[in-house]
C-alpha cells in the first residue's frame, strides 16, 4: 500500500522497514537505519541530494501537515495568550485543524537543530534568522 501511494504521488519512499528494500518502486526506496529524526533528515538530504527552500521551513502544521496561512491577530485573539499578541508580528493558522503557530521561544532551538542536520549546500538561499 505504501509503495502504491508513493508511486501515485511520484515520491521516494522513506522507510525503516528493511523488507521494503527488496520491492520494486519507480522512484526509489530509502532505508532510514537510525531512530533519531535529525539523523534521518541528514540521511535523506544527502542520499536524495535534496535542495531545501528555507522559506517553507516551519510553514506546515505539525499535527496534520497542511500549509499554514498568516492570519490577522484579531482572528487569533481569543485563541492565544495576550502575551503572544503583544510580542509576535506574524501568527499563522492551519486551515484544516485550526491550530495557531508563531515563532516562539522554541523557534531558535528548532532552527539550530535543523542547521545541525542540513548542510548549508542543501539550502537554496539563506537560512532564516
C-alpha atoms as a PDB file:
ATOM      1  CA  UNK A   1       0.000   0.000   0.000  1.00  0.00           C
ATOM      2  CA  UNK A   2       2.775   2.484   0.912  1.00  0.00           C
ATOM      3  CA  UNK A   3       4.610   1.732  -2.313  1.00  0.00           C
ATOM      4  CA  UNK A   4       1.438   2.316  -4.335  1.00  0.00           C
ATOM      5  CA  UNK A   5       0.744   5.658  -2.634  1.00  0.00           C
ATOM      6  CA  UNK A   6       4.346   6.843  -3.059  1.00  0.00           C
ATOM      7  CA  UNK A   7       4.320   5.834  -6.740  1.00  0.00           C
ATOM      8  CA  UNK A   8       0.988   7.556  -7.413  1.00  0.00           C
ATOM      9  CA  UNK A   9       2.355  10.761  -5.834  1.00  0.00           C
ATOM     10  CA  UNK A  10       5.702  10.390  -7.657  1.00  0.00           C
ATOM     11  CA  UNK A  11       7.607  10.281  -4.361  1.00  0.00           C
ATOM     12  CA  UNK A  12      10.509   8.332  -2.937  1.00  0.00           C
ATOM     13  CA  UNK A  13       9.538   6.040  -0.103  1.00  0.00           C
ATOM     14  CA  UNK A  14      11.437   6.629   3.138  1.00  0.00           C
ATOM     15  CA  UNK A  15      11.156   3.675   5.477  1.00  0.00           C
ATOM     16  CA  UNK A  16      12.622   1.908   8.495  1.00  0.00           C
ATOM     17  CA  UNK A  17      11.288  -1.416   7.196  1.00  0.00           C
ATOM     18  CA  UNK A  18      14.157  -3.295   5.548  1.00  0.00           C
ATOM     19  CA  UNK A  19      11.705  -5.703   3.895  1.00  0.00           C
ATOM     20  CA  UNK A  20      10.547  -2.907   1.581  1.00  0.00           C
ATOM     21  CA  UNK A  21      14.066  -2.541   0.163  1.00  0.00           C
ATOM     22  CA  UNK A  22      13.565  -5.651  -1.960  1.00  0.00           C
ATOM     23  CA  UNK A  23      10.378  -4.360  -3.570  1.00  0.00           C
ATOM     24  CA  UNK A  24      10.210  -2.516  -6.841  1.00  0.00           C
ATOM     25  CA  UNK A  25       9.356   1.194  -6.746  1.00  0.00           C
ATOM     26  CA  UNK A  26       9.755   3.607  -9.685  1.00  0.00           C
ATOM     27  CA  UNK A  27      11.036   6.491  -7.546  1.00  0.00           C
ATOM     28  CA  UNK A  28      13.199   4.530  -5.130  1.00  0.00           C
ATOM     29  CA  UNK A  29      13.117   3.346  -1.545  1.00  0.00           C
ATOM     30  CA  UNK A  30      15.451   4.832   1.049  1.00  0.00           C
ATOM     31  CA  UNK A  31      16.055   2.828   4.199  1.00  0.00           C
ATOM     32  CA  UNK A  32      16.465   5.034   7.266  1.00  0.00           C
ATOM     33  CA  UNK A  33      18.545   2.919   9.621  1.00  0.00           C
ATOM     34  CA  UNK A  34      18.698   5.302  12.578  1.00  0.00           C
ATOM     35  CA  UNK A  35      15.923   6.132  15.041  1.00  0.00           C
ATOM     36  CA  UNK A  36      16.994   9.763  15.512  1.00  0.00           C
ATOM     37  CA  UNK A  37      14.849  12.124  13.368  1.00  0.00           C
ATOM     38  CA  UNK A  38      17.762  14.515  12.747  1.00  0.00           C
ATOM     39  CA  UNK A  39      19.919  11.626  11.535  1.00  0.00           C
ATOM     40  CA  UNK A  40      17.046  10.521   9.297  1.00  0.00           C
ATOM     41  CA  UNK A  41      16.802  14.047   7.883  1.00  0.00           C
ATOM     42  CA  UNK A  42      20.565  14.201   7.335  1.00  0.00           C
ATOM     43  CA  UNK A  43      20.443  10.824   5.543  1.00  0.00           C
ATOM     44  CA  UNK A  44      17.511  11.805   3.308  1.00  0.00           C
ATOM     45  CA  UNK A  45      19.002  15.179   2.338  1.00  0.00           C
ATOM     46  CA  UNK A  46      22.337  13.579   1.480  1.00  0.00           C
ATOM     47  CA  UNK A  47      21.097  10.429  -0.250  1.00  0.00           C
ATOM     48  CA  UNK A  48      18.477  12.200  -2.344  1.00  0.00           C
ATOM     49  CA  UNK A  49      20.583  15.318  -2.960  1.00  0.00           C
ATOM     50  CA  UNK A  50      17.711  17.494  -1.756  1.00  0.00           C
ATOM     51  CA  UNK A  51      17.639  21.264  -2.026  1.00  0.00           C
ATOM     52  CA  UNK A  52      15.684  22.892   0.804  1.00  0.00           C
ATOM     53  CA  UNK A  53      13.818  26.151   0.277  1.00  0.00           C
ATOM     54  CA  UNK A  54      14.260  27.992   3.604  1.00  0.00           C
ATOM     55  CA  UNK A  55      11.038  29.939   3.005  1.00  0.00           C
ATOM     56  CA  UNK A  56       8.995  26.791   3.570  1.00  0.00           C
ATOM     57  CA  UNK A  57      10.624  25.769   6.841  1.00  0.00           C
ATOM     58  CA  UNK A  58       8.012  25.872   9.633  1.00  0.00           C
ATOM     59  CA  UNK A  59       5.239  26.528   7.125  1.00  0.00           C
ATOM     60  CA  UNK A  60       3.256  23.334   7.744  1.00  0.00           C
ATOM     61  CA  UNK A  61       1.052  22.246  10.610  1.00  0.00           C
ATOM     62  CA  UNK A  62       2.842  19.863  12.968  1.00  0.00           C
ATOM     63  CA  UNK A  63      -0.433  17.987  13.526  1.00  0.00           C
ATOM     64  CA  UNK A  64      -1.948  17.463  10.061  1.00  0.00           C
ATOM     65  CA  UNK A  65       0.832  18.725   7.714  1.00  0.00           C
ATOM     66  CA  UNK A  66      -1.404  21.222   5.897  1.00  0.00           C
ATOM     67  CA  UNK A  67       0.188  24.514   4.809  1.00  0.00           C
ATOM     68  CA  UNK A  68      -0.484  27.227   7.389  1.00  0.00           C
ATOM     69  CA  UNK A  69      -1.619  30.710   6.374  1.00  0.00           C
ATOM     70  CA  UNK A  70      -0.931  34.042   8.013  1.00  0.00           C
ATOM     71  CA  UNK A  71      -3.923  35.412   9.888  1.00  0.00           C
ATOM     72  CA  UNK A  72      -4.835  38.754  11.358  1.00  0.00           C
ATOM     73  CA  UNK A  73      -4.122  38.982  15.076  1.00  0.00           C
ATOM     74  CA  UNK A  74      -7.825  39.614  15.680  1.00  0.00           C
ATOM     75  CA  UNK A  75      -8.579  36.133  14.335  1.00  0.00           C
ATOM     76  CA  UNK A  76      -6.122  34.601  16.798  1.00  0.00           C
ATOM     77  CA  UNK A  77      -7.054  36.939  19.658  1.00  0.00           C
ATOM     78  CA  UNK A  78      -9.241  34.681  21.762  1.00  0.00           C
ATOM     79  CA  UNK A  79      -7.216  31.535  20.951  1.00  0.00           C
ATOM     80  CA  UNK A  80      -3.711  32.568  22.046  1.00  0.00           C
ATOM     81  CA  UNK A  81      -2.291  34.190  25.167  1.00  0.00           C
ATOM     82  CA  UNK A  82      -2.342  38.019  25.241  1.00  0.00           C
ATOM     83  CA  UNK A  83       1.460  37.996  25.540  1.00  0.00           C
ATOM     84  CA  UNK A  84       1.668  36.287  22.144  1.00  0.00           C
ATOM     85  CA  UNK A  85      -0.474  39.005  20.572  1.00  0.00           C
ATOM     86  CA  UNK A  86       1.787  41.664  22.083  1.00  0.00           C
ATOM     87  CA  UNK A  87       5.106  40.110  21.125  1.00  0.00           C
ATOM     88  CA  UNK A  88       4.506  38.402  17.766  1.00  0.00           C
ATOM     89  CA  UNK A  89       4.134  40.186  14.453  1.00  0.00           C
ATOM     90  CA  UNK A  90       3.166  37.079  12.493  1.00  0.00           C
ATOM     91  CA  UNK A  91       0.659  34.444  13.553  1.00  0.00           C
ATOM     92  CA  UNK A  92      -0.319  31.615  11.235  1.00  0.00           C
ATOM     93  CA  UNK A  93      -3.156  29.137  11.344  1.00  0.00           C
ATOM     94  CA  UNK A  94      -3.688  25.707   9.898  1.00  0.00           C
ATOM     95  CA  UNK A  95      -6.768  25.839   7.659  1.00  0.00           C
ATOM     96  CA  UNK A  96      -7.577  22.194   8.427  1.00  0.00           C
ATOM     97  CA  UNK A  97      -7.250  21.739  12.176  1.00  0.00           C
ATOM     98  CA  UNK A  98      -7.331  25.467  13.081  1.00  0.00           C
ATOM     99  CA  UNK A  99      -4.181  25.257  15.240  1.00  0.00           C
ATOM    100  CA  UNK A 100      -2.221  28.537  15.623  1.00  0.00           C
ATOM    101  CA  UNK A 101       1.544  28.966  15.167  1.00  0.00           C
ATOM    102  CA  UNK A 102       4.106  31.698  15.813  1.00  0.00           C
ATOM    103  CA  UNK A 103       7.884  31.976  16.194  1.00  0.00           C
ATOM    104  CA  UNK A 104       8.036  31.479  19.941  1.00  0.00           C
ATOM    105  CA  UNK A 105      10.980  30.657  22.157  1.00  0.00           C
ATOM    106  CA  UNK A 106      11.253  27.191  20.617  1.00  0.00           C
ATOM    107  CA  UNK A 107      11.814  28.566  17.101  1.00  0.00           C
ATOM    108  CA  UNK A 108      15.535  29.320  17.507  1.00  0.00           C
ATOM    109  CA  UNK A 109      16.160  25.926  19.147  1.00  0.00           C
ATOM    110  CA  UNK A 110      14.434  24.101  16.283  1.00  0.00           C
ATOM    111  CA  UNK A 111      16.318  26.174  13.732  1.00  0.00           C
ATOM    112  CA  UNK A 112      19.650  25.258  15.381  1.00  0.00           C
ATOM    113  CA  UNK A 113      18.643  21.590  15.276  1.00  0.00           C
ATOM    114  CA  UNK A 114      17.794  21.798  11.572  1.00  0.00           C
ATOM    115  CA  UNK A 115      21.063  23.600  10.835  1.00  0.00           C
ATOM    116  CA  UNK A 116      22.951  20.764  12.509  1.00  0.00           C
ATOM    117  CA  UNK A 117      21.275  18.215  10.220  1.00  0.00           C
ATOM    118  CA  UNK A 118      21.049  20.068   6.915  1.00  0.00           C
ATOM    119  CA  UNK A 119      24.310  21.153   5.276  1.00  0.00           C
ATOM    120  CA  UNK A 120      24.470  24.738   4.024  1.00  0.00           C
ATOM    121  CA  UNK A 121      24.979  23.493   0.440  1.00  0.00           C
ATOM    122  CA  UNK A 122      21.498  21.912   0.610  1.00  0.00           C
ATOM    123  CA  UNK A 123      19.831  25.246   1.424  1.00  0.00           C
ATOM    124  CA  UNK A 124      18.511  27.056  -1.635  1.00  0.00           C
ATOM    125  CA  UNK A 125      19.095  30.596  -0.403  1.00  0.00           C
ATOM    126  CA  UNK A 126      19.828  31.804   3.118  1.00  0.00           C
ATOM    127  CA  UNK A 127      18.968  30.276   6.446  1.00  0.00           C
ATOM    128  CA  UNK A 128      16.188  32.167   8.219  1.00  0.00           C
ATOM    129  CA  UNK A 129      17.051  34.069  11.375  1.00  0.00           C
END
